[in-house]
Amino acid sequence: MYFPAEHVEYKLQISAEELREFEAKGVVRGIVKDSRTFYSSRDIYRLKGILRLMGTQGLSLEKAQERVDAPATQSILTKAGK
């Protein structure tokens, strides 16, 4: 499912400029159709997790991306100290 940029901005409480910056950095990939940009529900979910980690844990964009993209088992092993 795809959503217009305005929906993503509203849902994640970010500006159009911030969304464009995330796209330029490769965090999300927009699809342009009829002069409008759309984002997948996966992109929205992923960006939400990244923003949460950046806000609550003070992680950099790169570190937050690593955490979000890490397989669940890797995250569990990291937490367990293995």
N, C-alpha and C. Protein backbone atom coordinates (compact mmCIF):
# COMPACT_ATOMS: atom_id res chain seq x y z
N MET A 1 0.84 -1.17 0.00
CA MET A 1 0.00 0.00 0.00
C MET A 1 0.89 1.24 0.00
N TYR A 2 0.51 2.23 -0.77
CA TYR A 2 1.28 3.46 -0.89
C TYR A 2 0.46 4.66 -0.44
N PHE A 3 1.17 5.63 0.16
CA PHE A 3 0.53 6.82 0.70
C PHE A 3 1.22 8.06 0.17
N PRO A 4 0.46 9.14 -0.05
CA PRO A 4 1.06 10.38 -0.54
C PRO A 4 1.98 11.01 0.51
N ALA A 5 2.93 11.80 0.04
CA ALA A 5 3.90 12.45 0.92
C ALA A 5 3.20 13.23 2.04
N GLU A 6 2.10 13.89 1.73
CA GLU A 6 1.40 14.69 2.75
C GLU A 6 0.94 13.82 3.91
N HIS A 7 0.51 12.61 3.61
CA HIS A 7 0.07 11.69 4.66
C HIS A 7 1.25 11.30 5.54
N VAL A 8 2.38 11.01 4.93
CA VAL A 8 3.58 10.62 5.68
C VAL A 8 4.02 11.77 6.59
N GLU A 9 4.03 12.96 6.06
CA GLU A 9 4.42 14.14 6.83
C GLU A 9 3.51 14.32 8.05
N TYR A 10 2.22 14.20 7.82
CA TYR A 10 1.25 14.34 8.90
C TYR A 10 1.40 13.22 9.92
N LYS A 11 1.47 11.99 9.45
CA LYS A 11 1.52 10.82 10.33
C LYS A 11 2.77 10.83 11.21
N LEU A 12 3.91 11.23 10.64
CA LEU A 12 5.17 11.19 11.38
C LEU A 12 5.56 12.55 11.97
N GLN A 13 4.72 13.55 11.73
CA GLN A 13 4.97 14.90 12.24
C GLN A 13 6.33 15.43 11.79
N ILE A 14 6.60 15.33 10.49
CA ILE A 14 7.82 15.87 9.91
C ILE A 14 7.45 16.81 8.77
N SER A 15 8.37 17.68 8.42
CA SER A 15 8.11 18.63 7.33
C SER A 15 8.40 17.99 5.98
N ALA A 16 7.92 18.64 4.94
CA ALA A 16 8.17 18.16 3.58
C ALA A 16 9.68 18.18 3.31
N GLU A 17 10.37 19.18 3.83
CA GLU A 17 11.81 19.27 3.65
C GLU A 17 12.53 18.10 4.33
N GLU A 18 12.10 17.77 5.54
CA GLU A 18 12.72 16.63 6.24
C GLU A 18 12.50 15.33 5.48
N LEU A 19 11.30 15.15 4.96
CA LEU A 19 11.00 13.94 4.20
C LEU A 19 11.88 13.87 2.95
N ARG A 20 12.06 14.99 2.27
CA ARG A 20 12.93 15.03 1.09
C ARG A 20 14.37 14.72 1.46
N GLU A 21 14.82 15.20 2.64
CA GLU A 21 16.18 14.91 3.10
C GLU A 21 16.35 13.42 3.37
N PHE A 22 15.36 12.80 4.00
CA PHE A 22 15.43 11.36 4.25
C PHE A 22 15.48 10.60 2.93
N GLU A 23 14.75 11.07 1.95
CA GLU A 23 14.76 10.42 0.64
C GLU A 23 16.13 10.59 -0.02
N ALA A 24 16.69 11.79 0.07
CA ALA A 24 18.01 12.06 -0.52
C ALA A 24 19.09 11.19 0.12
N LYS A 25 18.93 10.89 1.40
CA LYS A 25 19.91 10.06 2.12
C LYS A 25 19.64 8.56 1.94
N GLY A 26 18.58 8.23 1.21
CA GLY A 26 18.30 6.83 0.94
C GLY A 26 17.52 6.11 2.03
N VAL A 27 16.99 6.84 2.97
CA VAL A 27 16.24 6.22 4.07
C VAL A 27 14.89 5.72 3.57
N VAL A 28 14.25 6.49 2.71
CA VAL A 28 12.97 6.09 2.10
C VAL A 28 13.09 6.30 0.59
N ARG A 29 12.23 5.63 -0.14
CA ARG A 29 12.21 5.76 -1.60
C ARG A 29 10.81 6.13 -2.04
N GLY A 30 10.70 7.31 -2.58
CA GLY A 30 9.40 7.75 -3.08
C GLY A 30 9.18 7.30 -4.51
N ILE A 31 7.92 7.15 -4.85
CA ILE A 31 7.52 6.82 -6.21
C ILE A 31 6.67 7.97 -6.72
N VAL A 32 7.07 8.54 -7.83
CA VAL A 32 6.35 9.68 -8.38
C VAL A 32 5.32 9.21 -9.39
N LYS A 33 4.10 9.69 -9.19
CA LYS A 33 3.01 9.38 -10.12
C LYS A 33 2.13 10.61 -10.22
N ASP A 34 1.88 11.05 -11.44
CA ASP A 34 1.05 12.24 -11.67
C ASP A 34 1.53 13.44 -10.85
N SER A 35 2.84 13.67 -10.84
CA SER A 35 3.47 14.80 -10.15
C SER A 35 3.32 14.75 -8.62
N ARG A 36 2.97 13.60 -8.07
CA ARG A 36 2.87 13.44 -6.61
C ARG A 36 3.80 12.31 -6.19
N THR A 37 4.35 12.41 -5.00
CA THR A 37 5.26 11.38 -4.49
C THR A 37 4.52 10.52 -3.48
N PHE A 38 4.69 9.21 -3.62
CA PHE A 38 4.06 8.24 -2.74
C PHE A 38 5.13 7.38 -2.07
N TYR A 39 4.82 6.94 -0.84
CA TYR A 39 5.75 6.10 -0.07
C TYR A 39 5.03 4.84 0.38
N SER A 40 5.77 3.75 0.43
CA SER A 40 5.18 2.48 0.82
C SER A 40 4.94 2.44 2.32
N SER A 41 4.03 1.57 2.74
CA SER A 41 3.76 1.42 4.17
C SER A 41 5.02 0.91 4.87
N ARG A 42 5.85 0.12 4.17
CA ARG A 42 7.11 -0.35 4.75
C ARG A 42 8.04 0.83 5.01
N ASP A 43 8.15 1.77 4.06
CA ASP A 43 8.97 2.96 4.25
C ASP A 43 8.49 3.77 5.46
N ILE A 44 7.18 3.91 5.58
CA ILE A 44 6.62 4.69 6.68
C ILE A 44 6.93 4.02 8.01
N TYR A 45 6.71 2.72 8.10
CA TYR A 45 6.96 1.97 9.33
C TYR A 45 8.44 2.05 9.71
N ARG A 46 9.31 1.88 8.72
CA ARG A 46 10.75 1.93 8.95
C ARG A 46 11.18 3.32 9.43
N LEU A 47 10.71 4.36 8.75
CA LEU A 47 11.07 5.72 9.13
C LEU A 47 10.55 6.06 10.52
N LYS A 48 9.37 5.57 10.86
CA LYS A 48 8.82 5.79 12.20
C LYS A 48 9.76 5.21 13.26
N GLY A 49 10.25 4.00 13.03
CA GLY A 49 11.18 3.38 13.97
C GLY A 49 12.48 4.15 14.08
N ILE A 50 12.99 4.60 12.96
CA ILE A 50 14.24 5.37 12.95
C ILE A 50 14.06 6.68 13.72
N LEU A 51 12.98 7.38 13.46
CA LEU A 51 12.72 8.64 14.17
C LEU A 51 12.56 8.41 15.66
N ARG A 52 11.89 7.33 16.03
CA ARG A 52 11.71 7.02 17.45
C ARG A 52 13.06 6.80 18.14
N LEU A 53 13.93 6.00 17.52
CA LEU A 53 15.25 5.74 18.10
C LEU A 53 16.10 7.00 18.17
N MET A 54 15.99 7.84 17.18
CA MET A 54 16.75 9.09 17.20
C MET A 54 16.25 10.01 18.31
N GLY A 55 14.94 10.02 18.52
CA GLY A 55 14.36 10.90 19.53
C GLY A 55 14.49 10.39 20.95
N THR A 56 14.23 9.10 21.15
CA THR A 56 14.22 8.58 22.52
C THR A 56 15.57 8.12 23.02
N GLN A 57 16.43 7.65 22.11
CA GLN A 57 17.73 7.15 22.53
C GLN A 57 18.89 8.01 22.06
N GLY A 58 18.58 9.06 21.31
CA GLY A 58 19.61 9.98 20.86
C GLY A 58 20.57 9.38 19.84
N LEU A 59 20.13 8.36 19.13
CA LEU A 59 20.99 7.73 18.14
C LEU A 59 21.12 8.60 16.89
N SER A 60 22.26 8.47 16.21
CA SER A 60 22.43 9.14 14.93
C SER A 60 21.55 8.44 13.90
N LEU A 61 21.36 9.08 12.78
CA LEU A 61 20.56 8.48 11.72
C LEU A 61 21.15 7.13 11.32
N GLU A 62 22.45 7.07 11.16
CA GLU A 62 23.11 5.83 10.73
C GLU A 62 22.90 4.71 11.75
N LYS A 63 23.09 5.00 13.03
CA LYS A 63 22.93 3.99 14.08
C LYS A 63 21.47 3.54 14.18
N ALA A 64 20.55 4.49 14.06
CA ALA A 64 19.13 4.15 14.13
C ALA A 64 18.75 3.25 12.96
N GLN A 65 19.28 3.53 11.77
CA GLN A 65 19.01 2.68 10.61
C GLN A 65 19.54 1.27 10.85
N GLU A 66 20.75 1.17 11.39
CA GLU A 66 21.32 -0.15 11.68
C GLU A 66 20.42 -0.94 12.61
N ARG A 67 19.93 -0.28 13.65
CA ARG A 67 19.06 -0.97 14.63
C ARG A 67 17.76 -1.42 14.00
N VAL A 68 17.15 -0.57 13.20
CA VAL A 68 15.87 -0.89 12.58
C VAL A 68 16.04 -2.01 11.55
N ASP A 69 17.14 -1.97 10.82
CA ASP A 69 17.36 -2.94 9.75
C ASP A 69 17.94 -4.26 10.23
N ALA A 70 18.42 -4.32 11.47
CA ALA A 70 19.02 -5.55 12.00
C ALA A 70 17.95 -6.62 12.14
N PRO A 71 18.29 -7.86 11.78
CA PRO A 71 17.33 -8.95 11.99
C PRO A 71 16.99 -9.08 13.48
N ALA A 72 15.80 -9.53 13.77
CA ALA A 72 15.33 -9.63 15.16
C ALA A 72 16.27 -10.48 16.00
N THR A 73 16.76 -11.57 15.48
CA THR A 73 17.64 -12.45 16.26
C THR A 73 18.94 -11.75 16.60
N GLN A 74 19.45 -10.92 15.69
CA GLN A 74 20.68 -10.19 15.96
C GLN A 74 20.45 -9.20 17.10
N SER A 75 19.29 -8.55 17.12
CA SER A 75 18.96 -7.61 18.19
C SER A 75 18.88 -8.31 19.52
N ILE A 76 18.29 -9.49 19.55
CA ILE A 76 18.17 -10.26 20.80
C ILE A 76 19.54 -10.66 21.31
N LEU A 77 20.41 -11.12 20.41
CA LEU A 77 21.75 -11.53 20.81
C LEU A 77 22.56 -10.34 21.31
N THR A 78 22.40 -9.19 20.69
CA THR A 78 23.11 -7.99 21.13
C THR A 78 22.67 -7.59 22.53
N LYS A 79 21.38 -7.64 22.80
CA LYS A 79 20.87 -7.30 24.12
C LYS A 79 21.34 -8.27 25.18
N ALA A 80 21.50 -9.54 24.80
CA ALA A 80 21.92 -10.57 25.75
C ALA A 80 23.43 -10.53 25.99
N GLY A 81 24.16 -9.72 25.18
CA GLY A 81 25.59 -9.59 25.37
C GLY A 81 26.38 -10.73 24.77
N LYS A 82 25.82 -11.42 23.81
CA LYS A 82 26.52 -12.55 23.18
C LYS A 82 27.24 -12.11 21.93
